[in-house]
């Protein structure tokens, strides 16, 4: 027989369980339908350029719209009759999940150049996180130049020696998933909280370093050689062979902004451009300031930064479009 005291305990336990279930379900729904968890951009490995976003994706992530076309470009589907410009680069160009499609420099440029010419201009965004110029060159060799009328390579100083290593990363790093999580709450923990929890526990209980998640840059960059990334010359050669104007946009890292000059690797890129008479835009000389960067980020662009990059590239490209 259940006593009144035991009945009260069971009732309270049932109430606690019900509250936990309601909170858990509410959290799951909010994470999914408000913040876009379980709708991450999925990646795939590639034998030519290491990795890229899977084609034909339309994602809603952190309240941003993220689309990839059938060529894994972060752009709308390629229109055969449009005038095309290729914008190549890494996460600075790609924008990641914190930049919505309409806020990308490539999208803004497409609209402004179309208005300028009175025609249809597509600025095709060919990019992925931590790609270097050799990744971009390999993509062009594999897929062609799409009858482009100009090619712009956006790089930062570290790209001077950021060469492909083909270390496996897709499906290994939480930053490079190849399938969706089943539960949004688990994705929140596994992708965004786990490493911080490990670091906290490490500080509290141990002096030993705890291995964190495998990042793009830990696997991707090999800076030991000191040689210029071969992708620079490969893209330049592709452009010469196709008679396509080629230009470089050198985006300064925050440390270079603070120093007031590009570092030795940035100078290496500048020397290459000057040697081969390739037009190079140095945004450090064009009013770059902290507003261009995401908060507490050393390189990635804010929405304002994407707009400013679009403004600069517009001035560079409208001459080519009118020729």
Protein backbone atom coordinates (compact mmCIF):
# COMPACT_ATOMS: atom_id res chain seq x y z
CA UNK A 1 0.00 0.00 0.00
CA UNK A 2 1.32 3.47 -0.99
CA UNK A 3 1.42 5.82 1.92
CA UNK A 4 0.47 9.52 1.52
CA UNK A 5 4.13 10.53 2.02
CA UNK A 6 5.33 8.14 -0.69
CA UNK A 7 2.52 9.32 -2.97
CA UNK A 8 3.73 12.92 -2.58
CA UNK A 9 7.29 11.89 -3.41
CA UNK A 10 6.14 10.03 -6.54
CA UNK A 11 4.02 13.00 -7.57
CA UNK A 12 6.99 15.34 -7.21
CA UNK A 13 9.26 12.97 -9.13
CA UNK A 14 6.67 12.78 -11.90
CA UNK A 15 6.44 16.56 -11.99
CA UNK A 16 10.23 16.90 -12.22
CA UNK A 17 10.39 14.34 -15.03
CA UNK A 18 7.58 16.12 -16.88
CA UNK A 19 9.37 19.47 -16.56
CA UNK A 20 12.64 17.95 -17.81
CA UNK A 21 10.84 16.41 -20.80
CA UNK A 22 9.08 19.67 -21.66
CA UNK A 23 12.29 21.68 -21.36
CA UNK A 24 14.22 19.12 -23.39
CA UNK A 25 11.57 19.06 -26.13
CA UNK A 26 11.31 22.85 -26.15
CA UNK A 27 15.10 23.18 -26.36
CA UNK A 28 15.26 20.67 -29.21
CA UNK A 29 12.56 22.52 -31.17
CA UNK A 30 14.11 25.94 -30.57
CA UNK A 31 17.57 24.74 -31.61
CA UNK A 32 16.16 23.16 -34.77
CA UNK A 33 13.63 25.69 -36.00
CA UNK A 34 15.01 28.95 -34.62
CA UNK A 35 18.77 28.40 -34.88
CA UNK A 36 18.97 25.75 -37.61
CA UNK A 37 20.68 22.93 -35.73
CA UNK A 38 20.56 19.58 -37.57
CA UNK A 39 20.71 21.60 -40.79
CA UNK A 40 24.45 22.12 -41.10
CA UNK A 41 26.31 22.53 -44.38
CA UNK A 42 27.58 19.06 -45.27
CA UNK A 43 30.99 18.45 -46.81
CA UNK A 44 32.54 15.83 -49.06
CA UNK A 45 36.11 14.74 -49.66
CA UNK A 46 37.64 15.28 -53.09
CA UNK A 47 40.78 13.68 -54.60
CA UNK A 48 41.76 16.88 -56.40
CA UNK A 49 41.13 19.69 -53.91
CA UNK A 50 40.77 17.89 -50.56
CA UNK A 51 37.17 18.78 -49.65
CA UNK A 52 34.22 20.95 -50.62
CA UNK A 53 30.58 21.48 -49.70
CA UNK A 54 28.22 18.85 -51.01
CA UNK A 55 26.30 20.14 -54.04
CA UNK A 56 22.66 21.28 -54.08
CA UNK A 57 22.22 22.41 -50.49
CA UNK A 58 19.72 24.94 -49.16
CA UNK A 59 20.31 25.38 -45.44
CA UNK A 60 18.89 27.51 -42.65
CA UNK A 61 21.61 27.94 -40.06
CA UNK A 62 21.81 30.48 -37.23
CA UNK A 63 18.97 32.33 -38.96
CA UNK A 64 21.00 32.66 -42.15
CA UNK A 65 20.23 31.25 -45.60
CA UNK A 66 23.08 29.21 -47.02
CA UNK A 67 22.88 27.77 -50.53
CA UNK A 68 25.23 25.74 -52.69
CA UNK A 69 24.57 25.00 -56.35
CA UNK A 70 25.23 21.82 -58.34
CA UNK A 71 28.93 22.74 -58.68
CA UNK A 72 29.29 23.21 -54.89
CA UNK A 73 29.64 26.96 -55.34
CA UNK A 74 28.15 29.15 -52.65
CA UNK A 75 25.98 30.75 -55.33
CA UNK A 76 22.75 30.29 -57.19
CA UNK A 77 22.75 27.83 -60.07
CA UNK A 78 25.03 28.86 -62.93
CA UNK A 79 23.04 30.62 -65.66
CA UNK A 80 24.46 29.80 -69.12
CA UNK A 81 23.65 33.21 -70.63
CA UNK A 82 24.99 35.31 -67.74
CA UNK A 83 28.29 37.19 -67.76
CA UNK A 84 30.38 35.35 -65.17
CA UNK A 85 33.12 36.36 -62.77
CA UNK A 86 34.87 33.82 -60.56
CA UNK A 87 35.52 34.82 -56.95
CA UNK A 88 37.94 32.30 -55.43
CA UNK A 89 39.05 31.92 -51.84
CA UNK A 90 38.63 30.46 -48.38
CA UNK A 91 36.25 31.17 -45.51
CA UNK A 92 36.70 34.94 -45.94
CA UNK A 93 34.93 34.65 -49.31
CA UNK A 94 32.66 31.81 -48.25
CA UNK A 95 31.29 33.64 -45.22
CA UNK A 96 30.48 30.45 -43.32
CA UNK A 97 27.24 29.91 -41.44
CA UNK A 98 27.38 33.41 -39.92
CA UNK A 99 26.80 35.10 -43.30
CA UNK A 100 23.50 34.81 -45.13
CA UNK A 101 23.40 34.46 -48.91
CA UNK A 102 22.19 38.01 -49.51
CA UNK A 103 25.01 39.46 -47.35
CA UNK A 104 27.89 37.83 -49.25
CA UNK A 105 30.19 40.07 -51.26
CA UNK A 106 29.60 37.78 -54.26
CA UNK A 107 25.82 38.28 -54.06
CA UNK A 108 26.14 42.04 -53.58
CA UNK A 109 28.54 42.24 -56.52
CA UNK A 110 26.25 40.23 -58.78
CA UNK A 111 23.43 42.70 -58.19
CA UNK A 112 25.54 45.84 -58.55
CA UNK A 113 27.32 44.71 -61.70
CA UNK A 114 24.01 43.62 -63.25
CA UNK A 115 22.56 47.08 -62.57
CA UNK A 116 25.70 48.71 -63.97
CA UNK A 117 25.61 46.78 -67.24
CA UNK A 118 21.86 46.38 -67.60
CA UNK A 119 22.47 42.66 -68.12
CA UNK A 120 22.81 39.50 -66.07
CA UNK A 121 26.12 39.23 -64.21
CA UNK A 122 26.91 36.32 -61.89
CA UNK A 123 29.80 36.46 -59.46
CA UNK A 124 30.34 32.77 -58.73
CA UNK A 125 31.58 32.08 -55.21
CA UNK A 126 34.06 29.16 -55.39
CA UNK A 127 35.36 28.73 -51.86
CA UNK A 128 35.65 26.58 -48.76
CA UNK A 129 37.04 27.06 -45.27
CA UNK A 130 40.86 27.03 -45.16
CA UNK A 131 41.24 26.57 -48.89
CA UNK A 132 44.48 27.91 -50.33
CA UNK A 133 45.23 29.01 -53.91
CA UNK A 134 46.21 25.43 -54.84
CA UNK A 135 42.73 24.19 -53.83
CA UNK A 136 41.21 26.89 -56.04
CA UNK A 137 43.50 26.04 -58.96
CA UNK A 138 42.64 22.35 -58.66
CA UNK A 139 38.93 23.20 -58.76
CA UNK A 140 39.38 25.20 -61.99
CA UNK A 141 41.40 22.42 -63.58
CA UNK A 142 38.67 19.93 -62.74
CA UNK A 143 35.58 21.97 -63.58
CA UNK A 144 36.82 24.63 -65.99
CA UNK A 145 36.39 28.40 -65.86
CA UNK A 146 32.66 28.56 -66.79
CA UNK A 147 33.33 31.07 -69.60
CA UNK A 148 34.34 33.61 -66.98
CA UNK A 149 35.22 37.15 -68.01
CA UNK A 150 37.42 37.77 -64.95
CA UNK A 151 38.94 35.82 -62.07
CA UNK A 152 39.53 37.29 -58.61
CA UNK A 153 41.52 35.39 -55.99
CA UNK A 154 40.93 36.57 -52.42
CA UNK A 155 43.82 35.62 -50.12
CA UNK A 156 45.39 36.54 -46.80
CA UNK A 157 49.07 36.45 -45.93
CA UNK A 158 48.96 32.92 -44.48
CA UNK A 159 47.87 31.64 -47.91
CA UNK A 160 51.40 32.21 -49.17
CA UNK A 161 52.37 28.81 -47.73
CA UNK A 162 49.00 27.17 -47.09
CA UNK A 163 49.41 24.07 -49.25
CA UNK A 164 47.19 21.03 -49.60
CA UNK A 165 48.06 18.04 -47.41
CA UNK A 166 45.05 15.76 -48.10
CA UNK A 167 44.88 14.82 -44.42
CA UNK A 168 41.45 13.21 -43.83
CA UNK A 169 39.07 15.70 -42.27
CA UNK A 170 35.58 15.17 -43.73
CA UNK A 171 33.44 13.33 -41.19
CA UNK A 172 36.32 13.49 -38.67
CA UNK A 173 36.31 17.12 -37.60
CA UNK A 174 33.02 18.47 -36.26
CA UNK A 175 33.76 21.53 -38.43
CA UNK A 176 33.54 19.36 -41.54
CA UNK A 177 30.50 17.06 -41.15
CA UNK A 178 29.30 14.72 -43.88
CA UNK A 179 25.96 13.87 -42.22
CA UNK A 180 23.44 15.60 -40.00
CA UNK A 181 23.17 15.06 -36.28
CA UNK A 182 20.05 13.24 -35.11
CA UNK A 183 19.52 15.50 -32.09
CA UNK A 184 20.01 19.26 -32.00
CA UNK A 185 20.93 19.20 -28.30
CA UNK A 186 23.70 16.70 -29.00
CA UNK A 187 24.99 18.81 -31.91
CA UNK A 188 25.10 21.86 -29.62
CA UNK A 189 27.22 19.95 -27.13
CA UNK A 190 29.41 18.02 -29.58
CA UNK A 191 30.24 20.90 -31.93
CA UNK A 192 30.23 23.95 -29.70
CA UNK A 193 30.46 23.01 -26.01
CA UNK A 194 32.55 19.85 -25.74
CA UNK A 195 35.93 21.44 -26.38
CA UNK A 196 35.25 24.24 -23.91
CA UNK A 197 34.14 21.70 -21.29
CA UNK A 198 37.34 19.71 -21.86
CA UNK A 199 39.48 22.82 -21.52
CA UNK A 200 37.68 23.79 -18.31
CA UNK A 201 38.15 20.34 -16.82
CA UNK A 202 41.78 20.35 -17.94
CA UNK A 203 42.43 23.59 -16.08
CA UNK A 204 40.66 22.36 -12.97
CA UNK A 205 41.93 18.79 -12.68
CA UNK A 206 45.07 18.40 -14.77
CA UNK A 207 48.12 20.18 -16.10
CA UNK A 208 48.28 17.88 -19.12
CA UNK A 209 46.99 19.13 -22.44
CA UNK A 210 43.73 17.60 -23.59
CA UNK A 211 43.34 16.89 -27.28
CA UNK A 212 40.56 19.01 -28.71
CA UNK A 213 38.68 18.73 -31.96
CA UNK A 214 40.63 18.48 -35.21
CA UNK A 215 40.37 21.85 -36.93
CA UNK A 216 40.76 22.73 -40.62
CA UNK A 217 43.96 24.61 -39.98
CA UNK A 218 45.59 21.96 -37.78
CA UNK A 219 45.25 19.44 -40.60
CA UNK A 220 45.44 21.69 -43.60
CA UNK A 221 48.38 24.05 -43.34
CA UNK A 222 51.95 23.05 -43.99
CA UNK A 223 54.10 26.14 -43.52
CA UNK A 224 57.49 24.46 -43.27
CA UNK A 225 58.78 24.99 -46.79
CA UNK A 226 58.81 28.75 -47.15
CA UNK A 227 57.93 28.44 -50.85
CA UNK A 228 55.03 30.34 -52.36
CA UNK A 229 51.89 28.25 -52.71
CA UNK A 230 51.97 26.88 -56.29
CA UNK A 231 48.29 27.72 -56.73
CA UNK A 232 49.14 31.36 -57.40
CA UNK A 233 51.10 30.56 -60.53
CA UNK A 234 48.67 27.83 -61.58
CA UNK A 235 45.67 30.16 -61.50
CA UNK A 236 47.69 32.82 -63.32
CA UNK A 237 48.57 30.27 -66.01
CA UNK A 238 44.95 29.15 -66.38
CA UNK A 239 43.92 32.79 -66.79
CA UNK A 240 46.65 33.41 -69.41
CA UNK A 241 45.72 30.28 -71.36
CA UNK A 242 42.06 31.34 -71.43
CA UNK A 243 42.86 35.04 -71.93
CA UNK A 244 40.89 35.92 -68.78
CA UNK A 245 41.85 38.97 -66.68
CA UNK A 246 43.20 37.82 -63.31
CA UNK A 247 43.58 39.89 -60.15
CA UNK A 248 44.38 39.31 -56.48
CA UNK A 249 42.66 40.81 -53.45
CA UNK A 250 44.94 40.69 -50.39
CA UNK A 251 42.90 40.79 -47.18
CA UNK A 252 44.90 41.79 -44.10
CA UNK A 253 44.61 39.89 -40.85
CA UNK A 254 43.79 41.89 -37.73
CA UNK A 255 47.40 41.63 -36.51
CA UNK A 256 48.57 43.25 -39.75
CA UNK A 257 46.00 46.01 -39.31
CA UNK A 258 47.43 46.68 -35.85
CA UNK A 259 50.99 46.58 -37.19
CA UNK A 260 50.12 48.83 -40.12
CA UNK A 261 51.77 46.54 -42.66
CA UNK A 262 51.54 43.08 -44.21
CA UNK A 263 53.78 40.42 -42.70
CA UNK A 264 56.57 38.60 -44.55
CA UNK A 265 54.16 36.16 -46.18
CA UNK A 266 51.93 39.00 -47.37
CA UNK A 267 55.00 40.69 -48.82
CA UNK A 268 55.78 37.42 -50.62
CA UNK A 269 52.36 37.53 -52.31
CA UNK A 270 52.82 41.20 -53.23
CA UNK A 271 56.22 40.47 -54.82
CA UNK A 272 54.68 37.64 -56.87
CA UNK A 273 51.92 39.92 -58.17
CA UNK A 274 54.37 42.67 -59.06
CA UNK A 275 56.79 40.28 -60.73
CA UNK A 276 54.10 38.87 -63.03
CA UNK A 277 52.23 42.18 -63.44
CA UNK A 278 49.06 40.87 -61.82
CA UNK A 279 46.79 43.61 -60.45
CA UNK A 280 46.67 43.33 -56.66
CA UNK A 281 44.34 45.15 -54.30
CA UNK A 282 45.66 45.63 -50.74
CA UNK A 283 42.76 46.43 -48.44
CA UNK A 284 45.17 47.51 -45.71
CA UNK A 285 45.66 50.65 -47.80
CA UNK A 286 41.92 51.23 -48.37
CA UNK A 287 40.52 52.21 -45.00
CA UNK A 288 40.51 48.77 -43.34
CA UNK A 289 39.43 48.99 -39.68
CA UNK A 290 38.04 46.83 -36.86
CA UNK A 291 34.46 47.16 -38.17
CA UNK A 292 35.39 44.96 -41.12
CA UNK A 293 35.98 41.94 -38.87
CA UNK A 294 33.64 39.74 -36.90
CA UNK A 295 33.79 40.39 -33.17
CA UNK A 296 36.83 38.72 -31.55
CA UNK A 297 37.89 37.26 -34.91
CA UNK A 298 41.32 37.75 -36.41
CA UNK A 299 40.38 37.47 -40.08
CA UNK A 300 36.72 36.80 -41.00
CA UNK A 301 34.51 39.57 -42.31
CA UNK A 302 31.46 41.05 -40.65
CA UNK A 303 28.44 42.01 -42.74
CA UNK A 304 29.99 45.46 -42.99
CA UNK A 305 33.27 43.89 -44.12
CA UNK A 306 31.51 41.88 -46.83
CA UNK A 307 29.93 45.12 -48.06
CA UNK A 308 33.27 46.93 -48.09
CA UNK A 309 34.94 44.07 -49.99
CA UNK A 310 32.09 44.20 -52.51
CA UNK A 311 32.61 47.98 -52.90
CA UNK A 312 36.33 47.56 -53.59
CA UNK A 313 35.85 44.67 -56.01
CA UNK A 314 33.11 46.60 -57.80
CA UNK A 315 35.57 49.37 -58.59
CA UNK A 316 38.11 46.79 -59.79
CA UNK A 317 35.71 44.78 -61.91
CA UNK A 318 33.54 47.37 -63.60
CA UNK A 319 36.48 48.31 -65.83
CA UNK A 320 36.79 44.67 -66.99
CA UNK A 321 33.02 44.30 -67.47
CA UNK A 322 32.87 47.41 -69.69
CA UNK A 323 35.73 46.27 -71.92
